[in-house]
Amino acid sequence: MGAFYETIPNSLKSWILNQKMLWVATAPLSAQGHINISPKGGQHFGILDERTFWFMDLSGSGIETTAHLNEPGNGRICVMFQAMEGPPRIVRIWGVGTALESGTPEYSSFVKEHNVKTLYHSRSIIVVDIHQVGSSCGFSVPFYEFKGWRNTLDEVFEKKKKKYEEGKEEESMERYWAWKSQASIDGLPGMRRGMEVAKREGVAPLKKMVGAWAVENRQRLRREGRRVDGVYLLVVGLLGVVIGMVVVAMGVEPETVGLVQERLRVFQWLG
């Protein structure tokens, strides 16, 4: 049976902290924007109190979570855990998220105050102010056997760190963030440090979508769509005037003229 709480109940805290992965869901405010769901492995998360949850955002090719949380008027986030072994269970945490970026006073203060172990590629810490927690059965979730942590991400960035320390400036984390973390797939501003370096050093963002849904193509289609809509509305309007003049000249009843023009106005509104 499902149960809802306004805070994390004590009965769920130890279970949450023992999980080996979590899922994060966010979305832009625009109806045309893309919902994002990110899996997070490793125990880089914690519970500060019954109303505050946090997890570490490691560097990668996407920046959706940060971009959505930084969008003015947004901040919506859902974090989900699921039992892979033992009794079935799903726990969701809903709230408002804040991205504390690496290099900022807020990030440094959080790390120091809560004794958080950071990595070379730690990009930010996401803090969730909780307003709802839901627990449900998860009876259909299959069993999975945990075999170990993947170390690939850590190894990749350790190599970048070594190259940077050897004098290769292009291997810096800031250059990486400028390339991959300056904008979301919908073109929303991403990591602030990435944007600053991209602007200062002229780094083009990673191309993240192709075809009609690529950001540059969507912008072009919207412009063309507005032009088409304008022509369409103009034609419908003129047609209404012409039909009105013709039916009046033919001696048609005024009520009929009004009905025809009203139908045209409806088509114009639907367009």
Protein backbone atom coordinates (compact mmCIF):
# COMPACT_ATOMS: atom_id res chain seq x y z
CA MET A 1 0.00 0.00 0.00
CA GLY A 2 1.21 3.52 -0.78
CA ALA A 3 1.87 6.00 2.03
CA PHE A 4 2.69 9.71 1.93
CA TYR A 5 4.56 11.91 4.38
CA GLU A 6 5.60 15.57 4.56
CA THR A 7 9.04 14.57 5.79
CA ILE A 8 11.35 11.54 5.63
CA PRO A 9 10.07 9.20 8.37
CA ASN A 10 12.61 7.54 10.64
CA SER A 11 11.44 4.15 9.36
CA LEU A 12 12.81 4.94 5.88
CA LYS A 13 16.06 6.75 6.67
CA SER A 14 18.36 3.76 7.11
CA TRP A 15 16.85 2.00 4.07
CA ILE A 16 17.45 5.08 1.88
CA LEU A 17 21.05 5.46 3.04
CA ASN A 18 21.76 1.80 2.28
CA GLN A 19 20.71 2.04 -1.38
CA LYS A 20 23.34 1.85 -4.09
CA MET A 21 21.69 4.08 -6.69
CA LEU A 22 18.97 6.65 -7.16
CA TRP A 23 17.05 8.26 -10.02
CA VAL A 24 16.62 12.01 -10.47
CA ALA A 25 13.81 13.57 -12.53
CA THR A 26 13.47 17.23 -13.51
CA ALA A 27 11.83 19.15 -16.35
CA PRO A 28 11.91 22.65 -17.87
CA LEU A 29 8.88 24.91 -17.50
CA SER A 30 8.21 25.00 -21.25
CA ALA A 31 5.68 22.47 -22.56
CA GLN A 32 8.02 21.94 -25.52
CA GLY A 33 10.98 21.21 -23.23
CA HIS A 34 12.26 17.72 -22.48
CA ILE A 35 11.82 15.82 -19.24
CA ASN A 36 15.07 14.38 -17.91
CA ILE A 37 15.68 11.27 -15.80
CA SER A 38 19.22 10.58 -14.59
CA PRO A 39 20.50 7.46 -12.78
CA LYS A 40 23.07 8.14 -10.07
CA GLY A 41 25.33 5.35 -8.85
CA GLY A 42 27.53 5.30 -5.79
CA GLN A 43 26.78 6.48 -2.29
CA HIS A 44 27.31 10.18 -2.98
CA PHE A 45 24.15 11.29 -1.19
CA GLY A 46 22.79 11.86 2.27
CA ILE A 47 20.03 13.07 4.57
CA LEU A 48 20.68 16.25 6.56
CA ASP A 49 17.39 16.16 8.41
CA GLU A 50 13.81 15.01 7.87
CA ARG A 51 13.20 17.82 5.35
CA THR A 52 16.56 18.01 3.54
CA PHE A 53 18.18 15.53 1.16
CA TRP A 54 21.33 16.02 -0.93
CA PHE A 55 23.29 14.23 -3.63
CA MET A 56 26.50 14.96 -5.50
CA ASP A 57 26.29 15.76 -9.21
CA LEU A 58 29.34 14.35 -10.98
CA SER A 59 30.57 15.66 -14.33
CA GLY A 60 29.15 14.11 -17.48
CA SER A 61 27.92 14.95 -20.95
CA GLY A 62 24.58 16.39 -19.76
CA ILE A 63 23.60 19.30 -17.53
CA GLU A 64 19.82 18.91 -17.47
CA THR A 65 19.29 18.76 -13.70
CA THR A 66 21.25 21.95 -13.01
CA ALA A 67 19.70 23.79 -15.97
CA HIS A 68 16.16 22.97 -14.82
CA LEU A 69 16.83 23.85 -11.19
CA ASN A 70 18.44 27.17 -12.17
CA GLU A 71 15.56 28.15 -14.46
CA PRO A 72 13.70 31.11 -12.85
CA GLY A 73 10.44 29.94 -11.30
CA ASN A 74 11.39 26.26 -11.59
CA GLY A 75 13.35 24.08 -9.15
CA ARG A 76 11.00 21.07 -9.26
CA ILE A 77 12.69 17.76 -8.62
CA CYS A 78 11.85 14.16 -7.79
CA VAL A 79 14.36 11.64 -6.43
CA MET A 80 13.47 7.94 -6.53
CA PHE A 81 14.93 4.87 -4.86
CA GLN A 82 13.91 1.28 -5.57
CA ALA A 83 14.72 -1.99 -3.86
CA MET A 84 16.87 -4.22 -6.06
CA GLU A 85 17.05 -6.97 -3.44
CA GLY A 86 15.11 -7.98 -0.36
CA PRO A 87 11.51 -6.87 0.23
CA PRO A 88 10.07 -4.74 -2.61
CA ARG A 89 9.89 -1.00 -2.06
CA ILE A 90 9.91 2.29 -3.98
CA VAL A 91 10.50 5.64 -2.29
CA ARG A 92 10.08 9.01 -4.00
CA ILE A 93 11.18 12.36 -2.63
CA TRP A 94 9.59 15.50 -4.08
CA GLY A 95 10.77 19.01 -3.42
CA VAL A 96 12.60 22.09 -4.62
CA GLY A 97 16.21 21.62 -5.60
CA THR A 98 19.16 24.00 -5.46
CA ALA A 99 22.44 23.40 -7.29
CA LEU A 100 25.53 24.45 -5.27
CA GLU A 101 28.23 24.68 -7.93
CA SER A 102 31.81 23.63 -7.35
CA GLY A 103 33.99 26.65 -6.67
CA THR A 104 31.27 28.75 -5.05
CA PRO A 105 31.28 29.76 -1.35
CA GLU A 106 28.00 27.87 -0.88
CA TYR A 107 29.53 24.65 -2.20
CA SER A 108 32.68 25.00 -0.08
CA SER A 109 30.65 25.79 3.03
CA PHE A 110 28.39 22.76 2.54
CA VAL A 111 31.35 20.42 1.99
CA LYS A 112 33.12 21.69 5.11
CA GLU A 113 30.06 21.78 7.37
CA HIS A 114 28.87 18.28 6.46
CA ASN A 115 32.28 16.67 5.91
CA VAL A 116 31.47 15.63 2.35
CA LYS A 117 34.13 13.78 0.40
CA THR A 118 34.42 15.37 -3.04
CA LEU A 119 36.03 14.07 -6.22
CA TYR A 120 38.09 15.87 -8.86
CA HIS A 121 35.06 15.78 -11.16
CA SER A 122 32.46 16.82 -8.58
CA ARG A 123 30.39 19.39 -10.42
CA SER A 124 27.88 20.45 -7.81
CA ILE A 125 25.88 19.37 -4.79
CA ILE A 126 22.11 19.30 -5.25
CA VAL A 127 20.18 20.13 -2.08
CA VAL A 128 16.50 19.17 -2.01
CA ASP A 129 14.06 20.97 0.27
CA ILE A 130 11.46 18.25 0.74
CA HIS A 131 7.72 18.84 0.69
CA GLN A 132 6.54 15.26 0.12
CA VAL A 133 7.79 11.69 0.49
CA GLY A 134 5.96 8.71 -0.98
CA SER A 135 6.48 5.00 -0.33
CA SER A 136 4.91 2.31 -2.52
CA CYS A 137 5.13 -1.45 -3.03
CA GLY A 138 7.30 -1.96 -6.10
CA PHE A 139 5.92 -5.48 -6.54
CA SER A 140 6.75 -5.51 -10.28
CA VAL A 141 10.38 -4.40 -9.92
CA PRO A 142 12.66 -7.38 -10.69
CA PHE A 143 15.54 -8.56 -8.54
CA TYR A 144 19.06 -7.44 -9.46
CA GLU A 145 22.30 -8.71 -8.00
CA PHE A 146 24.83 -6.05 -7.05
CA LYS A 147 28.28 -7.03 -8.35
CA GLY A 148 30.27 -3.88 -7.68
CA TRP A 149 30.75 -0.22 -8.47
CA ARG A 150 31.75 1.01 -11.91
CA ASN A 151 35.03 2.94 -11.73
CA THR A 152 35.13 4.11 -15.35
CA LEU A 153 34.00 7.69 -14.68
CA ASP A 154 36.55 8.17 -11.92
CA GLU A 155 39.31 6.70 -14.08
CA VAL A 156 38.49 8.94 -17.04
CA PHE A 157 38.72 12.11 -14.98
CA GLU A 158 41.81 10.97 -13.11
CA LYS A 159 43.51 10.74 -16.51
CA LYS A 160 42.28 14.25 -17.38
CA LYS A 161 43.59 15.51 -14.05
CA LYS A 162 47.01 13.96 -14.68
CA LYS A 163 47.23 15.51 -18.16
CA TYR A 164 46.18 18.91 -16.80
CA GLU A 165 48.79 18.77 -14.05
CA GLU A 166 51.38 17.95 -16.73
CA GLY A 167 50.61 21.25 -18.40
CA LYS A 168 47.79 20.52 -20.85
CA GLU A 169 45.44 23.44 -20.19
CA GLU A 170 42.75 22.03 -22.52
CA GLU A 171 42.28 19.12 -20.09
CA SER A 172 41.04 21.35 -17.26
CA MET A 173 37.65 20.65 -15.73
CA GLU A 174 36.56 24.20 -16.54
CA ARG A 175 37.20 23.61 -20.25
CA TYR A 176 35.25 20.36 -20.03
CA TRP A 177 32.36 22.14 -18.32
CA ALA A 178 32.49 24.89 -20.93
CA TRP A 179 32.12 22.29 -23.68
CA LYS A 180 29.57 19.90 -22.17
CA SER A 181 27.89 21.75 -19.30
CA GLN A 182 27.14 25.25 -20.62
CA ALA A 183 23.63 24.47 -21.97
CA SER A 184 20.84 21.91 -21.72
CA ILE A 185 19.42 19.99 -24.69
CA ASP A 186 16.70 22.67 -24.88
CA GLY A 187 19.24 25.51 -24.85
CA LEU A 188 18.69 26.52 -21.21
CA PRO A 189 21.72 27.97 -19.39
CA GLY A 190 23.64 25.23 -17.61
CA MET A 191 26.60 25.40 -15.26
CA ARG A 192 27.59 29.00 -14.60
CA ARG A 193 31.33 28.28 -14.52
CA GLY A 194 31.00 26.46 -17.81
CA MET A 195 29.21 29.40 -19.39
CA GLU A 196 31.76 31.88 -18.08
CA VAL A 197 34.71 29.94 -19.50
CA ALA A 198 32.88 29.29 -22.77
CA LYS A 199 32.29 33.02 -23.22
CA ARG A 200 35.81 33.97 -22.19
CA GLU A 201 37.58 31.37 -24.32
CA GLY A 202 35.09 31.00 -27.17
CA VAL A 203 34.21 27.35 -26.49
CA ALA A 204 31.26 26.10 -28.56
CA PRO A 205 28.76 23.88 -26.71
CA LEU A 206 28.49 20.17 -27.37
CA LYS A 207 25.79 19.47 -29.97
CA LYS A 208 23.24 17.45 -28.01
CA MET A 209 20.27 16.96 -30.32
CA VAL A 210 19.94 16.41 -34.06
CA GLY A 211 17.24 16.86 -36.67
CA ALA A 212 14.11 18.93 -36.20
CA TRP A 213 14.47 18.89 -32.40
CA ALA A 214 17.96 20.36 -32.34
CA VAL A 215 17.87 23.75 -30.63
CA GLU A 216 18.88 25.74 -33.71
CA ASN A 217 16.30 23.96 -35.87
CA ARG A 218 13.52 24.43 -33.33
CA GLN A 219 14.22 28.15 -33.24
CA ARG A 220 14.10 28.32 -37.04
CA LEU A 221 10.87 26.28 -37.19
CA ARG A 222 9.25 28.56 -34.62
CA ARG A 223 10.16 31.62 -36.68
CA GLU A 224 8.82 30.04 -39.86
CA GLY A 225 5.72 28.87 -38.02
CA ARG A 226 5.00 32.41 -36.83
CA ARG A 227 5.30 33.69 -40.40
CA VAL A 228 2.97 30.96 -41.69
CA ASP A 229 0.47 31.64 -38.91
CA GLY A 230 0.48 35.35 -39.76
CA VAL A 231 -0.21 34.70 -43.45
CA TYR A 232 -2.91 32.16 -42.56
CA LEU A 233 -4.73 34.57 -40.29
CA LEU A 234 -4.51 37.35 -42.88
CA VAL A 235 -5.96 35.12 -45.63
CA VAL A 236 -8.82 33.91 -43.42
CA GLY A 237 -9.62 37.48 -42.40
CA LEU A 238 -9.69 38.75 -45.99
CA LEU A 239 -11.78 35.76 -47.05
CA GLY A 240 -14.35 36.66 -44.43
CA VAL A 241 -14.61 40.21 -45.74
CA VAL A 242 -14.92 39.03 -49.38
CA ILE A 243 -17.59 36.45 -48.57
CA GLY A 244 -19.53 39.05 -46.62
CA MET A 245 -19.48 41.46 -49.57
CA VAL A 246 -20.53 38.73 -52.05
CA VAL A 247 -23.45 37.40 -50.04
CA VAL A 248 -24.72 40.95 -49.36
CA ALA A 249 -24.59 41.73 -53.10
CA MET A 250 -26.57 38.55 -53.76
CA GLY A 251 -29.29 39.58 -51.34
CA VAL A 252 -28.66 36.86 -48.76
CA GLU A 253 -30.33 37.28 -45.34
CA PRO A 254 -28.17 39.24 -42.83
CA GLU A 255 -28.48 36.36 -40.34
CA THR A 256 -26.89 34.00 -42.87
CA VAL A 257 -24.06 36.46 -43.52
CA GLY A 258 -23.41 36.70 -39.78
CA LEU A 259 -23.39 32.90 -39.43
CA VAL A 260 -20.82 32.48 -42.25
CA GLN A 261 -18.55 35.17 -40.78
CA GLU A 262 -18.82 33.61 -37.34
CA ARG A 263 -17.72 30.23 -38.74
CA LEU A 264 -14.72 31.90 -40.36
CA ARG A 265 -13.80 33.55 -37.05
CA VAL A 266 -13.88 30.12 -35.41
CA PHE A 267 -11.53 28.68 -38.07
CA GLN A 268 -9.28 31.72 -37.62
CA TRP A 269 -9.13 31.16 -33.86
CA LEU A 270 -8.43 27.43 -34.24
CA GLY A 271 -5.56 28.24 -36.62
